């Protein structure tokens, strides 16, 4: 009985330490992305971020390694934020209704994070290229599309094929519309809904 108490205390201590680490990491990423939006990529120096976040440069080097590591962390954080928003979409009984809800939520998630979006899809940091590992993790953050599309195939809504094939086509259509909207060429979600629905319809099970 008594031997379990120290383990419990140690576990609580480690959990609190991890929470503080995650909170600091999140704050540093927010500071960095805010600098990217307001002052441009040249502002993303380790010293400037440390100053804005009121921490030492050693902390940032320890967490991210260098500026390239920080950029990759920002890239992955952007996808993680989108994933969390998509996971909050209420599940529907009908998989096609759920897919449509996820598609609409994806646009809102991207537009809600303009700083992260610019780094993820618009090369906001010149010269930054995410590693293959980062690209794999980024795509995995959107696996909810693959899962829901698989359910739509099983329910007979979509033509039997690899769910990833449909998901990638839908992602490409969505990104094109979002980028045009962000650059001012589209004023609302109308075109986004048209192109994403057209993509889904292309893979409909009753298509000749």
N, C-alpha and C. Protein backbone atom coordinates (compact mmCIF):
# COMPACT_ATOMS: atom_id res chain seq x y z
N UNK A 1 0.82 -1.20 0.00
CA UNK A 1 0.00 0.00 0.00
C UNK A 1 0.86 1.26 0.00
N UNK A 2 1.86 1.29 0.90
CA UNK A 2 2.68 2.50 1.01
C UNK A 2 3.57 2.70 -0.20
N UNK A 3 3.95 1.60 -0.88
CA UNK A 3 4.87 1.73 -2.01
C UNK A 3 4.23 2.41 -3.21
N UNK A 4 2.88 2.41 -3.28
CA UNK A 4 2.22 3.01 -4.43
C UNK A 4 2.18 4.54 -4.33
N UNK A 5 2.29 5.09 -3.12
CA UNK A 5 2.19 6.54 -2.94
C UNK A 5 3.30 7.30 -3.66
N UNK A 6 4.57 6.91 -3.50
CA UNK A 6 5.63 7.64 -4.21
C UNK A 6 5.45 7.60 -5.72
N UNK A 7 5.01 6.45 -6.25
CA UNK A 7 4.80 6.35 -7.68
C UNK A 7 3.69 7.31 -8.13
N UNK A 8 2.64 7.40 -7.31
CA UNK A 8 1.56 8.31 -7.64
C UNK A 8 2.02 9.76 -7.62
N UNK A 9 2.82 10.10 -6.63
CA UNK A 9 3.34 11.45 -6.53
C UNK A 9 4.28 11.76 -7.69
N UNK A 10 5.11 10.79 -8.04
CA UNK A 10 6.04 10.98 -9.15
C UNK A 10 5.28 11.16 -10.46
N UNK A 11 4.22 10.35 -10.61
CA UNK A 11 3.41 10.47 -11.83
C UNK A 11 2.75 11.83 -11.93
N UNK A 12 2.24 12.33 -10.80
CA UNK A 12 1.61 13.64 -10.80
C UNK A 12 2.61 14.74 -11.11
N UNK A 13 3.82 14.59 -10.56
CA UNK A 13 4.88 15.58 -10.81
C UNK A 13 5.25 15.60 -12.30
N UNK A 14 5.45 14.40 -12.87
CA UNK A 14 5.83 14.32 -14.28
C UNK A 14 4.72 14.85 -15.18
N UNK A 15 3.48 14.58 -14.81
CA UNK A 15 2.35 15.07 -15.59
C UNK A 15 2.31 16.60 -15.55
N UNK A 16 2.54 17.17 -14.38
CA UNK A 16 2.56 18.63 -14.27
C UNK A 16 3.71 19.23 -15.04
N UNK A 17 4.87 18.56 -15.01
CA UNK A 17 6.03 19.04 -15.76
C UNK A 17 5.76 19.01 -17.26
N UNK A 18 5.12 17.94 -17.73
CA UNK A 18 4.78 17.82 -19.15
C UNK A 18 3.78 18.91 -19.55
N UNK A 19 2.81 19.19 -18.68
CA UNK A 19 1.82 20.22 -18.99
C UNK A 19 2.49 21.59 -19.11
N UNK A 20 3.44 21.88 -18.23
CA UNK A 20 4.16 23.15 -18.31
C UNK A 20 4.99 23.23 -19.59
N UNK A 21 5.61 22.11 -19.96
CA UNK A 21 6.41 22.06 -21.19
C UNK A 21 5.52 22.32 -22.40
N UNK A 22 4.35 21.65 -22.45
CA UNK A 22 3.44 21.81 -23.58
C UNK A 22 2.89 23.23 -23.66
N UNK A 23 2.61 23.81 -22.49
CA UNK A 23 2.10 25.18 -22.46
C UNK A 23 3.14 26.16 -22.99
N UNK A 24 4.39 25.99 -22.56
CA UNK A 24 5.46 26.85 -23.03
C UNK A 24 5.69 26.67 -24.52
N UNK A 25 5.70 25.43 -24.98
CA UNK A 25 5.90 25.16 -26.41
C UNK A 25 4.81 25.82 -27.24
N UNK A 26 3.56 25.69 -26.80
CA UNK A 26 2.45 26.29 -27.51
C UNK A 26 2.57 27.81 -27.54
N UNK A 27 3.02 28.39 -26.42
CA UNK A 27 3.18 29.85 -26.35
C UNK A 27 4.28 30.32 -27.30
N UNK A 28 5.38 29.58 -27.37
CA UNK A 28 6.47 29.94 -28.27
C UNK A 28 6.03 29.87 -29.73
N UNK A 29 5.24 28.86 -30.07
CA UNK A 29 4.76 28.73 -31.44
C UNK A 29 3.81 29.87 -31.79
N UNK A 30 2.96 30.24 -30.82
CA UNK A 30 2.04 31.35 -31.06
C UNK A 30 2.79 32.66 -31.25
N UNK A 31 3.82 32.88 -30.43
CA UNK A 31 4.65 34.08 -30.58
C UNK A 31 5.30 34.10 -31.96
N UNK A 32 5.83 32.97 -32.38
CA UNK A 32 6.52 32.88 -33.66
C UNK A 32 5.56 33.13 -34.82
N UNK A 33 4.38 32.54 -34.78
CA UNK A 33 3.46 32.71 -35.91
C UNK A 33 2.91 34.13 -35.94
N UNK A 34 2.75 34.76 -34.77
CA UNK A 34 2.31 36.16 -34.74
C UNK A 34 3.38 37.07 -35.35
N UNK A 35 4.64 36.79 -35.05
CA UNK A 35 5.72 37.56 -35.65
C UNK A 35 5.74 37.37 -37.17
N UNK A 36 5.50 36.15 -37.60
CA UNK A 36 5.48 35.86 -39.04
C UNK A 36 4.42 36.69 -39.75
N UNK A 37 3.26 36.80 -39.12
CA UNK A 37 2.15 37.55 -39.73
C UNK A 37 2.41 39.05 -39.69
N UNK A 38 2.88 39.55 -38.56
CA UNK A 38 3.00 41.01 -38.39
C UNK A 38 4.29 41.59 -38.97
N UNK A 39 5.40 40.86 -38.82
CA UNK A 39 6.70 41.42 -39.20
C UNK A 39 7.42 40.65 -40.30
N UNK A 40 6.81 39.56 -40.78
CA UNK A 40 7.42 38.82 -41.87
C UNK A 40 8.43 37.78 -41.41
N UNK A 41 8.88 36.93 -42.34
CA UNK A 41 9.77 35.81 -41.98
C UNK A 41 11.12 36.23 -41.43
N UNK A 42 11.59 37.42 -41.79
CA UNK A 42 12.88 37.87 -41.29
C UNK A 42 12.87 38.08 -39.77
N UNK A 43 11.68 38.21 -39.19
CA UNK A 43 11.57 38.41 -37.75
C UNK A 43 11.73 37.11 -36.97
N UNK A 44 11.72 35.98 -37.65
CA UNK A 44 11.77 34.69 -36.97
C UNK A 44 13.21 34.30 -36.62
N UNK A 45 13.80 35.09 -35.76
CA UNK A 45 15.11 34.73 -35.21
C UNK A 45 14.89 34.19 -33.80
N UNK A 46 15.78 33.32 -33.39
CA UNK A 46 15.66 32.73 -32.06
C UNK A 46 15.69 33.82 -30.99
N UNK A 47 16.57 34.80 -31.17
CA UNK A 47 16.68 35.88 -30.18
C UNK A 47 15.39 36.70 -30.11
N UNK A 48 14.81 37.03 -31.27
CA UNK A 48 13.59 37.85 -31.27
C UNK A 48 12.43 37.10 -30.62
N UNK A 49 12.30 35.83 -30.94
CA UNK A 49 11.22 35.04 -30.35
C UNK A 49 11.41 34.93 -28.84
N UNK A 50 12.65 34.72 -28.40
CA UNK A 50 12.92 34.64 -26.96
C UNK A 50 12.56 35.93 -26.25
N UNK A 51 12.88 37.05 -26.89
CA UNK A 51 12.56 38.35 -26.30
C UNK A 51 11.06 38.53 -26.18
N UNK A 52 10.33 38.23 -27.25
CA UNK A 52 8.87 38.40 -27.25
C UNK A 52 8.19 37.46 -26.25
N UNK A 53 8.76 36.26 -26.10
CA UNK A 53 8.15 35.26 -25.21
C UNK A 53 8.68 35.35 -23.78
N UNK A 54 9.63 36.25 -23.55
CA UNK A 54 10.22 36.43 -22.22
C UNK A 54 10.83 35.13 -21.69
N UNK A 55 11.65 34.50 -22.54
CA UNK A 55 12.37 33.31 -22.12
C UNK A 55 13.79 33.38 -22.67
N UNK A 56 14.59 32.40 -22.37
CA UNK A 56 15.97 32.40 -22.86
C UNK A 56 16.05 31.73 -24.23
N UNK A 57 17.08 32.08 -24.97
CA UNK A 57 17.29 31.42 -26.27
C UNK A 57 17.60 29.94 -26.07
N UNK A 58 18.19 29.60 -24.93
CA UNK A 58 18.51 28.20 -24.64
C UNK A 58 17.26 27.34 -24.63
N UNK A 59 16.18 27.88 -24.08
CA UNK A 59 14.91 27.14 -24.04
C UNK A 59 14.45 26.82 -25.45
N UNK A 60 14.53 27.79 -26.34
CA UNK A 60 14.05 27.58 -27.71
C UNK A 60 14.94 26.59 -28.45
N UNK A 61 16.26 26.73 -28.28
CA UNK A 61 17.19 25.78 -28.91
C UNK A 61 16.95 24.36 -28.39
N UNK A 62 16.66 24.24 -27.10
CA UNK A 62 16.41 22.94 -26.50
C UNK A 62 15.15 22.31 -27.08
N UNK A 63 14.10 23.10 -27.27
CA UNK A 63 12.83 22.58 -27.76
C UNK A 63 12.83 22.29 -29.26
N UNK A 64 13.47 23.18 -30.03
CA UNK A 64 13.33 23.10 -31.49
C UNK A 64 14.64 22.87 -32.24
N UNK A 65 15.74 22.98 -31.58
CA UNK A 65 17.03 22.74 -32.22
C UNK A 65 17.61 23.95 -32.90
N UNK A 66 16.89 24.48 -33.88
CA UNK A 66 17.35 25.66 -34.62
C UNK A 66 16.14 26.29 -35.33
N UNK A 67 16.39 27.28 -36.17
CA UNK A 67 15.30 27.98 -36.86
C UNK A 67 14.54 27.03 -37.78
N UNK A 68 15.26 26.14 -38.43
CA UNK A 68 14.60 25.16 -39.30
C UNK A 68 13.69 24.23 -38.50
N UNK A 69 14.16 23.82 -37.34
CA UNK A 69 13.34 22.99 -36.47
C UNK A 69 12.10 23.72 -35.99
N UNK A 70 12.25 25.00 -35.71
CA UNK A 70 11.11 25.81 -35.31
C UNK A 70 10.09 25.92 -36.45
N UNK A 71 10.57 26.13 -37.67
CA UNK A 71 9.67 26.24 -38.82
C UNK A 71 8.90 24.94 -39.01
N UNK A 72 9.59 23.81 -38.85
CA UNK A 72 8.91 22.53 -39.01
C UNK A 72 7.89 22.30 -37.90
N UNK A 73 8.20 22.75 -36.70
CA UNK A 73 7.24 22.65 -35.60
C UNK A 73 6.01 23.49 -35.88
N UNK A 74 6.19 24.67 -36.45
CA UNK A 74 5.06 25.52 -36.82
C UNK A 74 4.21 24.84 -37.89
N UNK A 75 4.86 24.25 -38.86
CA UNK A 75 4.18 23.53 -39.95
C UNK A 75 3.31 22.41 -39.38
N UNK A 76 3.87 21.61 -38.48
CA UNK A 76 3.11 20.51 -37.90
C UNK A 76 2.02 20.99 -36.95
N UNK A 77 2.29 22.07 -36.24
CA UNK A 77 1.28 22.62 -35.34
C UNK A 77 0.06 23.09 -36.11
N UNK A 78 0.28 23.66 -37.29
CA UNK A 78 -0.84 24.09 -38.12
C UNK A 78 -1.75 22.93 -38.47
N UNK A 79 -1.17 21.82 -38.88
CA UNK A 79 -1.98 20.64 -39.22
C UNK A 79 -2.66 20.06 -37.99
N UNK A 80 -1.95 20.11 -36.86
CA UNK A 80 -2.54 19.59 -35.63
C UNK A 80 -3.76 20.42 -35.22
N UNK A 81 -3.69 21.72 -35.41
CA UNK A 81 -4.83 22.57 -35.06
C UNK A 81 -6.03 22.29 -35.96
N UNK A 82 -5.77 22.04 -37.23
CA UNK A 82 -6.86 21.67 -38.14
C UNK A 82 -7.45 20.33 -37.70
N UNK A 83 -6.59 19.38 -37.36
CA UNK A 83 -7.08 18.06 -36.93
C UNK A 83 -7.99 18.19 -35.71
N UNK A 84 -7.59 19.01 -34.74
CA UNK A 84 -8.40 19.17 -33.54
C UNK A 84 -9.76 19.77 -33.87
N UNK A 85 -9.79 20.72 -34.79
CA UNK A 85 -11.07 21.33 -35.18
C UNK A 85 -11.97 20.32 -35.89
N UNK A 86 -11.38 19.50 -36.74
CA UNK A 86 -12.18 18.50 -37.45
C UNK A 86 -12.69 17.43 -36.49
N UNK A 87 -11.90 17.09 -35.50
CA UNK A 87 -12.32 16.09 -34.52
C UNK A 87 -13.49 16.57 -33.67
N UNK A 88 -13.68 17.89 -33.61
CA UNK A 88 -14.78 18.43 -32.82
C UNK A 88 -16.11 18.44 -33.57
N UNK A 89 -16.08 18.11 -34.86
CA UNK A 89 -17.33 18.07 -35.64
C UNK A 89 -18.18 16.90 -35.14
N UNK A 90 -19.42 17.17 -34.84
CA UNK A 90 -20.32 16.13 -34.33
C UNK A 90 -20.53 15.06 -35.38
N UNK A 91 -20.40 13.82 -34.96
CA UNK A 91 -20.56 12.71 -35.89
C UNK A 91 -22.05 12.53 -36.24
N UNK A 92 -22.30 12.18 -37.49
CA UNK A 92 -23.67 11.93 -37.95
C UNK A 92 -23.86 10.44 -38.19
N UNK A 93 -25.13 10.02 -38.16
CA UNK A 93 -25.44 8.63 -38.49
C UNK A 93 -25.13 8.36 -39.95
N UNK A 94 -25.48 9.32 -40.80
CA UNK A 94 -25.27 9.17 -42.24
C UNK A 94 -23.85 9.61 -42.59
N UNK A 95 -23.01 8.72 -43.14
CA UNK A 95 -21.61 9.08 -43.41
C UNK A 95 -21.46 10.20 -44.44
N UNK A 96 -22.39 10.31 -45.39
CA UNK A 96 -22.29 11.39 -46.37
C UNK A 96 -22.57 12.75 -45.72
N UNK A 97 -23.52 12.80 -44.81
CA UNK A 97 -23.77 14.04 -44.07
C UNK A 97 -22.54 14.41 -43.24
N UNK A 98 -21.93 13.40 -42.67
CA UNK A 98 -20.73 13.64 -41.86
C UNK A 98 -19.60 14.15 -42.75
N UNK A 99 -19.42 13.57 -43.92
CA UNK A 99 -18.38 14.02 -44.84
C UNK A 99 -18.60 15.48 -45.22
N UNK A 100 -19.84 15.84 -45.55
CA UNK A 100 -20.14 17.23 -45.92
C UNK A 100 -19.84 18.18 -44.76
N UNK A 101 -20.14 17.75 -43.54
CA UNK A 101 -19.86 18.59 -42.37
C UNK A 101 -18.35 18.76 -42.17
N UNK A 102 -17.59 17.69 -42.39
CA UNK A 102 -16.14 17.76 -42.26
C UNK A 102 -15.55 18.69 -43.31
N UNK A 103 -16.06 18.61 -44.53
CA UNK A 103 -15.57 19.46 -45.62
C UNK A 103 -15.78 20.94 -45.29
N UNK A 104 -16.96 21.29 -44.79
CA UNK A 104 -17.23 22.68 -44.42
C UNK A 104 -16.36 23.12 -43.24
N UNK A 105 -16.15 22.21 -42.30
CA UNK A 105 -15.33 22.53 -41.14
C UNK A 105 -13.87 22.75 -41.54
N UNK A 106 -13.43 22.07 -42.58
CA UNK A 106 -12.04 22.22 -43.01
C UNK A 106 -11.77 23.65 -43.49
N UNK A 107 -12.68 24.20 -44.26
CA UNK A 107 -12.51 25.58 -44.73
C UNK A 107 -12.43 26.53 -43.53
N UNK A 108 -13.34 26.39 -42.58
CA UNK A 108 -13.35 27.27 -41.42
C UNK A 108 -12.07 27.12 -40.62
N UNK A 109 -11.56 25.89 -40.50
CA UNK A 109 -10.34 25.66 -39.75
C UNK A 109 -9.15 26.35 -40.40
N UNK A 110 -9.07 26.27 -41.72
CA UNK A 110 -7.96 26.91 -42.43
C UNK A 110 -8.03 28.43 -42.31
N UNK A 111 -9.21 28.99 -42.47
CA UNK A 111 -9.36 30.45 -42.41
C UNK A 111 -9.17 30.98 -40.99
N UNK A 112 -9.38 30.12 -40.00
CA UNK A 112 -9.24 30.55 -38.60
C UNK A 112 -7.78 30.64 -38.18
N UNK A 113 -6.87 30.07 -38.96
CA UNK A 113 -5.44 30.06 -38.62
C UNK A 113 -4.62 30.63 -39.77
N UNK A 114 -4.79 31.92 -40.09
CA UNK A 114 -4.12 32.50 -41.27
C UNK A 114 -2.60 32.43 -41.21
N UNK A 115 -2.03 32.61 -40.04
CA UNK A 115 -0.57 32.56 -39.93
C UNK A 115 -0.04 31.17 -40.21
N UNK A 116 -0.64 30.18 -39.57
CA UNK A 116 -0.23 28.80 -39.81
C UNK A 116 -0.51 28.40 -41.26
N UNK A 117 -1.65 28.81 -41.78
CA UNK A 117 -2.01 28.45 -43.15
C UNK A 117 -0.96 28.97 -44.13
N UNK A 118 -0.51 30.20 -43.93
CA UNK A 118 0.46 30.78 -44.86
C UNK A 118 1.76 29.99 -44.86
N UNK A 119 2.13 29.44 -43.71
CA UNK A 119 3.36 28.64 -43.64
C UNK A 119 3.13 27.26 -44.23
N UNK A 120 1.96 26.67 -43.98
CA UNK A 120 1.66 25.32 -44.44
C UNK A 120 1.52 25.23 -45.96
N UNK A 121 0.88 26.25 -46.56
CA UNK A 121 0.49 26.12 -47.96
C UNK A 121 0.99 27.24 -48.88
N UNK A 122 1.55 28.31 -48.32
CA UNK A 122 1.90 29.46 -49.15
C UNK A 122 3.38 29.85 -49.05
N UNK A 123 4.20 28.98 -48.52
CA UNK A 123 5.65 29.21 -48.43
C UNK A 123 5.97 30.56 -47.79
N UNK A 124 5.35 30.80 -46.65
CA UNK A 124 5.56 32.07 -45.96
C UNK A 124 6.99 32.25 -45.48
N UNK A 125 7.71 31.16 -45.28
CA UNK A 125 9.12 31.24 -44.89
C UNK A 125 9.95 30.79 -46.10
N UNK A 126 10.55 31.72 -46.82
CA UNK A 126 11.32 31.37 -48.01
C UNK A 126 12.42 30.36 -47.70
N UNK A 127 12.51 29.34 -48.53
CA UNK A 127 13.55 28.34 -48.36
C UNK A 127 13.18 27.19 -47.45
N UNK A 128 12.09 27.32 -46.69
CA UNK A 128 11.71 26.23 -45.79
C UNK A 128 11.05 25.10 -46.56
N UNK A 129 11.56 23.90 -46.38
CA UNK A 129 10.99 22.70 -46.98
C UNK A 129 10.78 21.68 -45.87
N UNK A 130 9.52 21.31 -45.58
CA UNK A 130 9.30 20.31 -44.55
C UNK A 130 9.93 18.98 -44.92
N UNK A 131 10.41 18.26 -43.94
CA UNK A 131 11.00 16.95 -44.18
C UNK A 131 9.93 15.96 -44.62
N UNK A 132 10.37 14.83 -45.15
CA UNK A 132 9.41 13.79 -45.55
C UNK A 132 8.62 13.30 -44.34
N UNK A 133 9.29 13.22 -43.20
CA UNK A 133 8.58 12.81 -41.98
C UNK A 133 7.48 13.81 -41.64
N UNK A 134 7.79 15.10 -41.76
CA UNK A 134 6.80 16.13 -41.45
C UNK A 134 5.63 16.06 -42.43
N UNK A 135 5.93 15.84 -43.71
CA UNK A 135 4.86 15.74 -44.70
C UNK A 135 3.96 14.53 -44.40
N UNK A 136 4.57 13.44 -44.00
CA UNK A 136 3.79 12.24 -43.67
C UNK A 136 2.90 12.49 -42.47
N UNK A 137 3.45 13.14 -41.44
CA UNK A 137 2.66 13.45 -40.25
C UNK A 137 1.55 14.45 -40.57
N UNK A 138 1.85 15.41 -41.45
CA UNK A 138 0.85 16.41 -41.83
C UNK A 138 -0.32 15.75 -42.53
N UNK A 139 -0.03 14.86 -43.46
CA UNK A 139 -1.12 14.18 -44.17
C UNK A 139 -1.90 13.28 -43.23
N UNK A 140 -1.21 12.66 -42.27
CA UNK A 140 -1.88 11.80 -41.30
C UNK A 140 -2.87 12.58 -40.44
N UNK A 141 -2.62 13.87 -40.25
CA UNK A 141 -3.53 14.71 -39.47
C UNK A 141 -4.89 14.84 -40.16
N UNK A 142 -4.93 14.57 -41.47
CA UNK A 142 -6.17 14.68 -42.21
C UNK A 142 -6.79 13.32 -42.50
N UNK A 143 -6.36 12.30 -41.78
CA UNK A 143 -6.86 10.95 -42.02
C UNK A 143 -8.35 10.79 -41.74
N UNK A 144 -8.93 11.77 -41.06
CA UNK A 144 -10.37 11.70 -40.83
C UNK A 144 -11.12 11.68 -42.15
N UNK A 145 -10.60 12.37 -43.18
CA UNK A 145 -11.23 12.33 -44.50
C UNK A 145 -11.21 10.91 -45.04
N UNK A 146 -10.08 10.23 -44.94
CA UNK A 146 -9.96 8.86 -45.44
C UNK A 146 -10.97 7.95 -44.74
N UNK A 147 -11.09 8.13 -43.43
CA UNK A 147 -11.99 7.25 -42.67
C UNK A 147 -13.44 7.47 -43.04
N UNK A 148 -13.83 8.74 -43.13
CA UNK A 148 -15.24 9.03 -43.45
C UNK A 148 -15.55 8.63 -44.89
N UNK A 149 -14.62 8.86 -45.79
CA UNK A 149 -14.83 8.46 -47.18
C UNK A 149 -14.94 6.94 -47.28
N UNK A 150 -14.15 6.22 -46.51
CA UNK A 150 -14.26 4.77 -46.47
C UNK A 150 -15.65 4.34 -46.02
N UNK A 151 -16.21 5.04 -45.02
CA UNK A 151 -17.57 4.74 -44.57
C UNK A 151 -18.59 5.04 -45.67
N UNK A 152 -18.35 6.11 -46.43
CA UNK A 152 -19.26 6.45 -47.54
C UNK A 152 -19.20 5.39 -48.64
N UNK A 153 -18.02 4.84 -48.88
CA UNK A 153 -17.89 3.76 -49.86
C UNK A 153 -18.64 2.53 -49.37
N UNK A 154 -18.45 2.19 -48.10
CA UNK A 154 -19.13 1.02 -47.53
C UNK A 154 -20.64 1.17 -47.56
N UNK A 155 -21.12 2.42 -47.42
CA UNK A 155 -22.56 2.68 -47.43
C UNK A 155 -23.13 2.76 -48.84
N UNK A 156 -22.27 2.68 -49.85
CA UNK A 156 -22.74 2.69 -51.23
C UNK A 156 -22.88 4.06 -51.84
N UNK A 157 -22.42 5.11 -51.13
CA UNK A 157 -22.51 6.47 -51.67
C UNK A 157 -21.45 6.75 -52.73
N UNK A 158 -20.26 6.20 -52.53
CA UNK A 158 -19.14 6.50 -53.41
C UNK A 158 -18.63 5.24 -54.09
N UNK A 159 -18.05 5.44 -55.27
CA UNK A 159 -17.54 4.33 -56.05
C UNK A 159 -16.41 3.62 -55.31
N UNK A 160 -16.41 2.28 -55.28
CA UNK A 160 -15.35 1.56 -54.58
C UNK A 160 -13.97 1.84 -55.19
N UNK A 161 -13.14 2.46 -54.43
CA UNK A 161 -11.77 2.75 -54.82
C UNK A 161 -10.98 3.03 -53.56
N UNK A 162 -9.72 3.35 -53.68
CA UNK A 162 -8.92 3.68 -52.50
C UNK A 162 -9.44 4.99 -51.89
N UNK A 163 -9.83 4.99 -50.61
CA UNK A 163 -10.32 6.22 -49.99
C UNK A 163 -9.33 7.38 -50.11
N UNK A 164 -8.03 7.08 -50.07
CA UNK A 164 -7.02 8.14 -50.17
C UNK A 164 -7.11 8.85 -51.52
N UNK A 165 -7.46 8.12 -52.58
CA UNK A 165 -7.58 8.73 -53.91
C UNK A 165 -8.66 9.81 -53.90
N UNK A 166 -9.81 9.51 -53.31
CA UNK A 166 -10.89 10.48 -53.24
C UNK A 166 -10.52 11.62 -52.29
N UNK A 167 -9.92 11.26 -51.15
CA UNK A 167 -9.56 12.27 -50.15
C UNK A 167 -8.57 13.28 -50.72
N UNK A 168 -7.58 12.81 -51.48
CA UNK A 168 -6.60 13.72 -52.04
C UNK A 168 -7.20 14.63 -53.11
N UNK A 169 -8.12 14.09 -53.91
CA UNK A 169 -8.79 14.92 -54.92
C UNK A 169 -9.65 15.98 -54.24
N UNK A 170 -10.33 15.59 -53.17
CA UNK A 170 -11.16 16.54 -52.43
C UNK A 170 -10.31 17.59 -51.75
N UNK A 171 -9.17 17.17 -51.21
CA UNK A 171 -8.24 18.11 -50.57
C UNK A 171 -7.72 19.12 -51.58
N UNK A 172 -7.37 18.65 -52.77
CA UNK A 172 -6.86 19.55 -53.81
C UNK A 172 -7.91 20.58 -54.20
N UNK A 173 -9.16 20.14 -54.36
CA UNK A 173 -10.23 21.06 -54.71
C UNK A 173 -10.45 22.09 -53.60
N UNK A 174 -10.45 21.61 -52.37
CA UNK A 174 -10.66 22.50 -51.22
C UNK A 174 -9.55 23.53 -51.12
N UNK A 175 -8.30 23.09 -51.27
CA UNK A 175 -7.17 24.02 -51.15
C UNK A 175 -7.18 25.09 -52.24
N UNK A 176 -7.55 24.70 -53.45
CA UNK A 176 -7.61 25.68 -54.52
C UNK A 176 -8.60 26.78 -54.22
N UNK A 177 -9.79 26.39 -53.74
CA UNK A 177 -10.82 27.38 -53.44
C UNK A 177 -10.42 28.25 -52.25
N UNK A 178 -9.82 27.64 -51.23
CA UNK A 178 -9.41 28.41 -50.05
C UNK A 178 -8.33 29.43 -50.42
N UNK A 179 -7.37 29.02 -51.23
CA UNK A 179 -6.30 29.93 -51.63
C UNK A 179 -6.84 31.10 -52.43
N UNK A 180 -7.78 30.83 -53.32
CA UNK A 180 -8.40 31.91 -54.09
C UNK A 180 -9.20 32.85 -53.19
N UNK A 181 -9.86 32.28 -52.20
CA UNK A 181 -10.62 33.11 -51.25
C UNK A 181 -9.67 33.97 -50.42
N UNK A 182 -8.58 33.40 -49.97
CA UNK A 182 -7.61 34.16 -49.17
C UNK A 182 -6.95 35.28 -49.95
N UNK A 183 -6.79 35.07 -51.24
CA UNK A 183 -6.15 36.10 -52.07
C UNK A 183 -7.14 37.13 -52.59
N UNK A 184 -8.41 37.00 -52.21
CA UNK A 184 -9.41 38.01 -52.56
C UNK A 184 -10.16 37.77 -53.85
N UNK A 185 -9.89 36.66 -54.51
CA UNK A 185 -10.56 36.38 -55.77
C UNK A 185 -11.97 35.80 -55.56
N UNK A 186 -12.20 35.18 -54.42
CA UNK A 186 -13.52 34.67 -54.07
C UNK A 186 -13.95 35.34 -52.78
N UNK A 187 -15.22 35.71 -52.70
CA UNK A 187 -15.68 36.51 -51.56
C UNK A 187 -16.35 35.71 -50.46
N UNK A 188 -16.77 34.50 -50.75
CA UNK A 188 -17.46 33.72 -49.71
C UNK A 188 -17.24 32.23 -49.97
N UNK A 189 -18.02 31.40 -49.29
CA UNK A 189 -17.83 29.95 -49.36
C UNK A 189 -18.53 29.31 -50.54
N UNK A 190 -19.24 30.09 -51.36
CA UNK A 190 -20.05 29.51 -52.42
C UNK A 190 -19.23 28.64 -53.37
N UNK A 191 -18.14 29.18 -53.90
CA UNK A 191 -17.32 28.42 -54.85
C UNK A 191 -16.66 27.23 -54.18
N UNK A 192 -16.28 27.40 -52.93
CA UNK A 192 -15.70 26.29 -52.18
C UNK A 192 -16.68 25.13 -52.12
N UNK A 193 -17.94 25.44 -51.81
CA UNK A 193 -18.95 24.39 -51.72
C UNK A 193 -19.21 23.76 -53.08
N UNK A 194 -19.18 24.57 -54.12
CA UNK A 194 -19.43 24.04 -55.47
C UNK A 194 -18.34 23.06 -55.88
N UNK A 195 -17.08 23.46 -55.72
CA UNK A 195 -15.99 22.60 -56.20
C UNK A 195 -15.83 21.34 -55.34
N UNK A 196 -16.06 21.46 -54.04
CA UNK A 196 -15.94 20.27 -53.20
C UNK A 196 -17.09 19.30 -53.46
N UNK A 197 -18.30 19.83 -53.64
CA UNK A 197 -19.43 18.96 -53.95
C UNK A 197 -19.27 18.31 -55.32
N UNK A 198 -18.71 19.06 -56.27
CA UNK A 198 -18.48 18.51 -57.61
C UNK A 198 -17.48 17.36 -57.54
N UNK A 199 -16.48 17.51 -56.70
CA UNK A 199 -15.48 16.44 -56.54
C UNK A 199 -16.11 15.20 -55.94
N UNK A 200 -16.92 15.39 -54.90
CA UNK A 200 -17.61 14.25 -54.28
C UNK A 200 -18.54 13.59 -55.30
N UNK A 201 -19.25 14.38 -56.06
CA UNK A 201 -20.18 13.85 -57.05
C UNK A 201 -19.46 13.05 -58.14
N UNK A 202 -18.25 13.47 -58.48
CA UNK A 202 -17.48 12.78 -59.50
C UNK A 202 -17.24 11.32 -59.11
N UNK A 203 -17.08 11.09 -57.81
CA UNK A 203 -16.82 9.73 -57.33
C UNK A 203 -18.09 9.01 -56.86
N UNK A 204 -19.26 9.58 -57.17
CA UNK A 204 -20.52 8.95 -56.73
C UNK A 204 -20.66 7.55 -57.30
N UNK A 205 -21.26 6.67 -56.53
CA UNK A 205 -21.35 5.27 -56.91
C UNK A 205 -22.21 5.04 -58.14
N UNK A 206 -23.17 5.95 -58.42
CA UNK A 206 -24.04 5.75 -59.56
C UNK A 206 -23.49 6.35 -60.85
N UNK A 207 -22.22 6.84 -60.81
CA UNK A 207 -21.61 7.44 -61.99
C UNK A 207 -21.32 6.34 -63.00
N UNK A 208 -21.60 6.60 -64.29
CA UNK A 208 -21.36 5.61 -65.34
C UNK A 208 -19.86 5.34 -65.47
